[in-house]
Protein backbone atom coordinates (compact mmCIF):
# COMPACT_ATOMS: atom_id res chain seq x y z
CA UNK A 1 -60.91 16.26 -112.46
CA UNK A 2 -59.71 16.06 -116.09
CA UNK A 3 -61.53 16.84 -119.30
CA UNK A 4 -61.51 19.03 -122.39
CA UNK A 5 -62.18 22.75 -122.88
CA UNK A 6 -65.95 22.42 -122.46
CA UNK A 7 -65.65 20.65 -119.12
CA UNK A 8 -62.96 23.06 -117.91
CA UNK A 9 -65.12 26.04 -118.85
CA UNK A 10 -68.08 24.49 -117.02
CA UNK A 11 -65.91 24.07 -113.94
CA UNK A 12 -64.92 27.72 -114.08
CA UNK A 13 -68.58 28.74 -114.23
CA UNK A 14 -69.70 26.60 -111.31
CA UNK A 15 -66.75 27.76 -109.21
CA UNK A 16 -67.89 31.32 -109.81
CA UNK A 17 -71.26 30.23 -108.49
CA UNK A 18 -69.60 29.00 -105.30
CA UNK A 19 -69.69 25.26 -105.93
CA UNK A 20 -66.58 23.69 -104.42
CA UNK A 21 -64.50 21.11 -106.28
CA UNK A 22 -65.13 18.55 -103.57
CA UNK A 23 -68.89 19.00 -104.05
CA UNK A 24 -68.46 18.06 -107.70
CA UNK A 25 -65.99 15.22 -107.34
CA UNK A 26 -66.68 13.48 -104.05
CA UNK A 27 -69.31 11.04 -105.32
CA UNK A 28 -70.05 8.88 -108.34
CA UNK A 29 -73.74 8.90 -107.49
CA UNK A 30 -75.90 12.02 -107.97
CA UNK A 31 -78.21 10.88 -105.17
CA UNK A 32 -75.39 10.94 -102.65
CA UNK A 33 -73.58 13.95 -104.13
CA UNK A 34 -73.30 16.62 -101.41
CA UNK A 35 -74.67 20.11 -101.44
CA UNK A 36 -77.95 21.69 -102.40
CA UNK A 37 -80.28 20.27 -105.10
CA UNK A 38 -78.90 22.84 -107.54
CA UNK A 39 -75.37 21.61 -106.85
CA UNK A 40 -76.43 18.02 -107.40
CA UNK A 41 -78.00 19.06 -110.71
CA UNK A 42 -74.70 20.70 -111.64
CA UNK A 43 -72.89 17.47 -110.75
CA UNK A 44 -75.23 15.51 -113.06
CA UNK A 45 -74.70 18.03 -115.88
CA UNK A 46 -70.92 17.78 -115.61
CA UNK A 47 -70.97 14.00 -115.40
CA UNK A 48 -73.06 13.80 -118.56
CA UNK A 49 -70.56 16.04 -120.37
CA UNK A 50 -67.46 14.23 -119.15
CA UNK A 51 -65.09 12.88 -121.84
CA UNK A 52 -65.28 9.33 -123.15
CA UNK A 53 -63.40 6.89 -120.96
CA UNK A 54 -64.22 8.63 -117.69
CA UNK A 55 -66.40 7.10 -114.98
CA UNK A 56 -69.24 9.42 -115.94
CA UNK A 57 -72.38 8.64 -117.90
CA UNK A 58 -72.26 9.03 -121.72
CA UNK A 59 -72.97 12.48 -123.14
CA UNK A 60 -76.60 13.16 -123.99
CA UNK A 61 -78.12 15.29 -126.71
CA UNK A 62 -81.32 16.06 -124.78
CA UNK A 63 -81.34 18.55 -121.94
CA UNK A 64 -82.19 16.66 -118.72
CA UNK A 65 -85.49 17.41 -117.01
CA UNK A 66 -86.30 17.93 -113.40
CA UNK A 67 -88.06 14.84 -112.02
CA UNK A 68 -91.43 16.56 -111.73
CA UNK A 69 -91.09 17.98 -115.24
CA UNK A 70 -90.56 14.44 -116.56
CA UNK A 71 -93.70 13.35 -114.70
CA UNK A 72 -95.67 16.21 -116.23
CA UNK A 73 -94.20 15.70 -119.71
CA UNK A 74 -94.85 11.97 -119.98
CA UNK A 75 -97.77 11.15 -122.24
CA UNK A 76 -98.79 8.18 -124.35
CA UNK A 77 -96.98 8.44 -127.68
CA UNK A 78 -98.02 6.02 -130.43
CA UNK A 79 -96.49 7.63 -133.53
CA UNK A 80 -92.72 7.79 -133.81
CA UNK A 81 -89.99 9.19 -136.04
CA UNK A 82 -87.48 6.92 -137.77
CA UNK A 83 -84.71 8.07 -135.44
CA UNK A 84 -83.11 5.15 -133.59
CA UNK A 85 -82.61 5.30 -129.82
CA UNK A 86 -78.93 5.17 -128.78
CA UNK A 87 -78.00 1.93 -127.00
CA UNK A 88 -76.85 3.80 -123.88
CA UNK A 89 -80.26 5.47 -123.60
CA UNK A 90 -82.05 2.13 -123.95
CA UNK A 91 -79.80 0.76 -121.21
CA UNK A 92 -80.65 3.76 -119.03
CA UNK A 93 -84.38 3.09 -119.47
CA UNK A 94 -83.94 -0.61 -118.69
CA UNK A 95 -81.85 0.26 -115.64
CA UNK A 96 -84.72 2.38 -114.34
CA UNK A 97 -86.97 -0.67 -114.58
CA UNK A 98 -84.41 -2.88 -112.87
CA UNK A 99 -84.21 -0.46 -109.95
CA UNK A 100 -87.99 -0.35 -109.41
CA UNK A 101 -89.35 -1.56 -106.06
CA UNK A 102 -91.10 -4.91 -105.68
CA UNK A 103 -92.82 -6.75 -102.87
CA UNK A 104 -90.22 -8.48 -100.64
CA UNK A 105 -87.69 -7.43 -103.29
CA UNK A 106 -89.07 -10.28 -105.37
CA UNK A 107 -87.92 -8.83 -108.72
CA UNK A 108 -89.93 -11.49 -110.52
CA UNK A 109 -89.76 -9.60 -113.82
CA UNK A 110 -87.59 -10.04 -116.90
CA UNK A 111 -87.33 -7.54 -119.76
CA UNK A 112 -86.88 -8.48 -123.41
CA UNK A 113 -85.66 -5.62 -125.60
CA UNK A 114 -86.74 -5.77 -129.24
CA UNK A 115 -85.33 -3.46 -131.92
CA UNK A 116 -85.46 -5.56 -135.12
CA UNK A 117 -88.09 -4.05 -137.42
CA UNK A 118 -89.62 -7.30 -138.65
CA UNK A 119 -89.90 -8.67 -135.11
CA UNK A 120 -91.56 -5.41 -134.00
CA UNK A 121 -94.09 -5.76 -136.81
CA UNK A 122 -94.87 -9.32 -135.79
CA UNK A 123 -95.03 -8.36 -132.12
CA UNK A 124 -97.68 -5.74 -132.88
CA UNK A 125 -100.06 -8.61 -133.72
CA UNK A 126 -100.27 -9.90 -130.12
CA UNK A 127 -103.05 -7.42 -129.32
CA UNK A 128 -105.55 -5.49 -131.44
CA UNK A 129 -104.46 -2.19 -129.89
CA UNK A 130 -100.73 -2.77 -130.24
CA UNK A 131 -100.31 -1.41 -133.79
CA UNK A 132 -97.96 1.31 -132.56
CA UNK A 133 -95.39 -1.33 -131.61
CA UNK A 134 -94.69 -1.92 -135.32
CA UNK A 135 -93.44 1.64 -135.80
CA UNK A 136 -91.56 1.97 -132.52
CA UNK A 137 -87.81 2.41 -132.36
CA UNK A 138 -87.73 -0.24 -129.66
CA UNK A 139 -90.19 -2.17 -127.56
CA UNK A 140 -89.63 -3.75 -124.18
CA UNK A 141 -91.57 -6.91 -123.39
CA UNK A 142 -92.28 -7.13 -119.66
CA UNK A 143 -92.26 -10.78 -118.64
CA UNK A 144 -93.51 -12.51 -115.48
CA UNK A 145 -93.63 -16.10 -114.24
CA UNK A 146 -96.91 -17.75 -115.17
CA UNK A 147 -98.99 -18.53 -112.09
CA UNK A 148 -102.52 -19.54 -111.15
CA UNK A 149 -102.19 -18.01 -107.68
CA UNK A 150 -104.38 -14.89 -107.71
CA UNK A 151 -102.62 -13.14 -104.82
CA UNK A 152 -99.19 -13.78 -106.26
CA UNK A 153 -100.32 -12.59 -109.67
CA UNK A 154 -101.88 -9.38 -108.32
CA UNK A 155 -98.76 -8.48 -106.33
CA UNK A 156 -96.44 -9.11 -109.26
CA UNK A 157 -98.59 -7.11 -111.65
CA UNK A 158 -98.50 -4.19 -109.23
CA UNK A 159 -94.72 -4.53 -109.05
CA UNK A 160 -94.50 -4.66 -112.82
CA UNK A 161 -96.56 -1.49 -113.08
CA UNK A 162 -93.98 0.29 -110.95
CA UNK A 163 -91.19 -0.94 -113.21
CA UNK A 164 -93.11 0.17 -116.30
CA UNK A 165 -93.69 3.65 -114.89
CA UNK A 166 -90.03 3.97 -113.92
CA UNK A 167 -89.03 3.17 -117.48
CA UNK A 168 -91.58 5.59 -118.92
CA UNK A 169 -90.25 8.42 -116.76
CA UNK A 170 -86.65 7.59 -117.62
CA UNK A 171 -87.67 7.68 -121.30
CA UNK A 172 -89.43 11.04 -120.88
CA UNK A 173 -86.29 12.45 -119.27
CA UNK A 174 -84.48 11.58 -122.51
CA UNK A 175 -87.18 13.06 -124.74
CA UNK A 176 -88.36 9.58 -125.73
CA UNK A 177 -92.07 8.84 -125.96
CA UNK A 178 -93.67 5.65 -124.71
CA UNK A 179 -96.94 3.76 -124.71
CA UNK A 180 -97.83 0.39 -123.26
CA UNK A 181 -99.94 -2.34 -124.80
CA UNK A 182 -101.61 -5.45 -123.46
CA UNK A 183 -100.87 -8.95 -124.77
CA UNK A 184 -103.75 -11.12 -125.92
CA UNK A 185 -102.00 -13.83 -127.91
CA UNK A 186 -99.58 -15.37 -125.43
CA UNK A 187 -98.64 -18.20 -127.77
CA UNK A 188 -97.50 -15.75 -130.46
CA UNK A 189 -95.66 -13.57 -127.93
CA UNK A 190 -93.90 -16.63 -126.50
CA UNK A 191 -92.88 -17.78 -129.98
CA UNK A 192 -91.56 -14.36 -131.09
CA UNK A 193 -89.70 -13.67 -127.85
CA UNK A 194 -88.47 -17.21 -127.22
CA UNK A 195 -90.03 -17.30 -123.76
CA UNK A 196 -89.91 -20.46 -121.62
CA UNK A 197 -93.21 -22.22 -121.04
CA UNK A 198 -93.33 -21.03 -117.43
CA UNK A 199 -93.23 -17.35 -118.45
CA UNK A 200 -95.82 -15.01 -119.89
CA UNK A 201 -95.55 -11.61 -121.54
CA UNK A 202 -97.57 -9.32 -119.31
CA UNK A 203 -97.32 -6.16 -121.41
CA UNK A 204 -95.33 -4.33 -124.05
CA UNK A 205 -93.73 -0.92 -123.67
CA UNK A 206 -93.16 0.78 -127.02
CA UNK A 207 -90.53 3.53 -127.25
CA UNK A 208 -89.62 6.17 -129.82
CA UNK A 209 -89.14 9.86 -130.46
CA UNK A 210 -92.56 11.54 -130.89
CA UNK A 211 -93.56 12.20 -134.49
CA UNK A 212 -95.94 15.02 -133.58
CA UNK A 213 -94.16 17.28 -131.06
CA UNK A 214 -91.37 17.00 -128.50
CA UNK A 215 -92.20 16.06 -124.94
CA UNK A 216 -92.84 19.12 -122.80
CA UNK A 217 -94.49 19.50 -119.38
CA UNK A 218 -98.26 19.56 -119.86
CA UNK A 219 -99.80 22.45 -117.95
CA UNK A 220 -103.45 21.31 -118.19
CA UNK A 221 -103.61 17.50 -118.52
CA UNK A 222 -106.88 15.72 -119.22
CA UNK A 223 -107.17 14.57 -115.62
CA UNK A 224 -109.72 15.00 -112.85
CA UNK A 225 -109.01 18.03 -110.63
CA UNK A 226 -106.76 17.40 -107.63
CA UNK A 227 -109.45 18.48 -105.16
CA UNK A 228 -111.83 15.92 -106.68
CA UNK A 229 -109.33 13.07 -106.52
CA UNK A 230 -107.74 13.72 -103.13
CA UNK A 231 -109.55 13.13 -99.84
CA UNK A 232 -107.71 14.33 -96.74
CA UNK A 233 -108.00 12.40 -93.48
CA UNK A 234 -111.39 10.91 -94.52
CA UNK A 235 -113.47 10.45 -97.69
């Protein structure tokens, strides 16, 4: 494994911790990387710090979260800084949506990424509660085939919800806030996004760095208690 001084120093540290070279280098996929969860996390850290031109992911400026921390840190963010989101991070978020599960692997969705400021301002007019889209660093329009079939529509909306949540969690992992919005004016959305007549914009997912405070795991969320929500074996 090549690399500069930072990567070489990191290798020295993990070797001292008993992580073998083959555990670090045997896979290009953190899911299939061998060893304990801590070793897989080390693999991810090293891959993210690998030099440009390697097979690793681009370097990141935000410390990666554990999966459950990202779940606990995600919250609706509707006010954003002016900081743009790096293209590789937007691609990472979109990739999370692409990998989401769908019924029969239907993958009926399409995603339209919008970053132009004037288009974002116009897009915020498609719903009365979509004002935050205007100030977002980027917004993803989640698009589905238009259909009158209720069963087909319900299944695809459920699938799309899974894709939206995957993207929100991927964003949270990068320290990027998110908030969805409905779409009321389909004609305006179709015009702004250039959608075919047989497609509809199901929802918008606004993204940006939080203007108030960084994303951190929320210890006491405004949610019903677990014992009230969960019923074991029977109601």
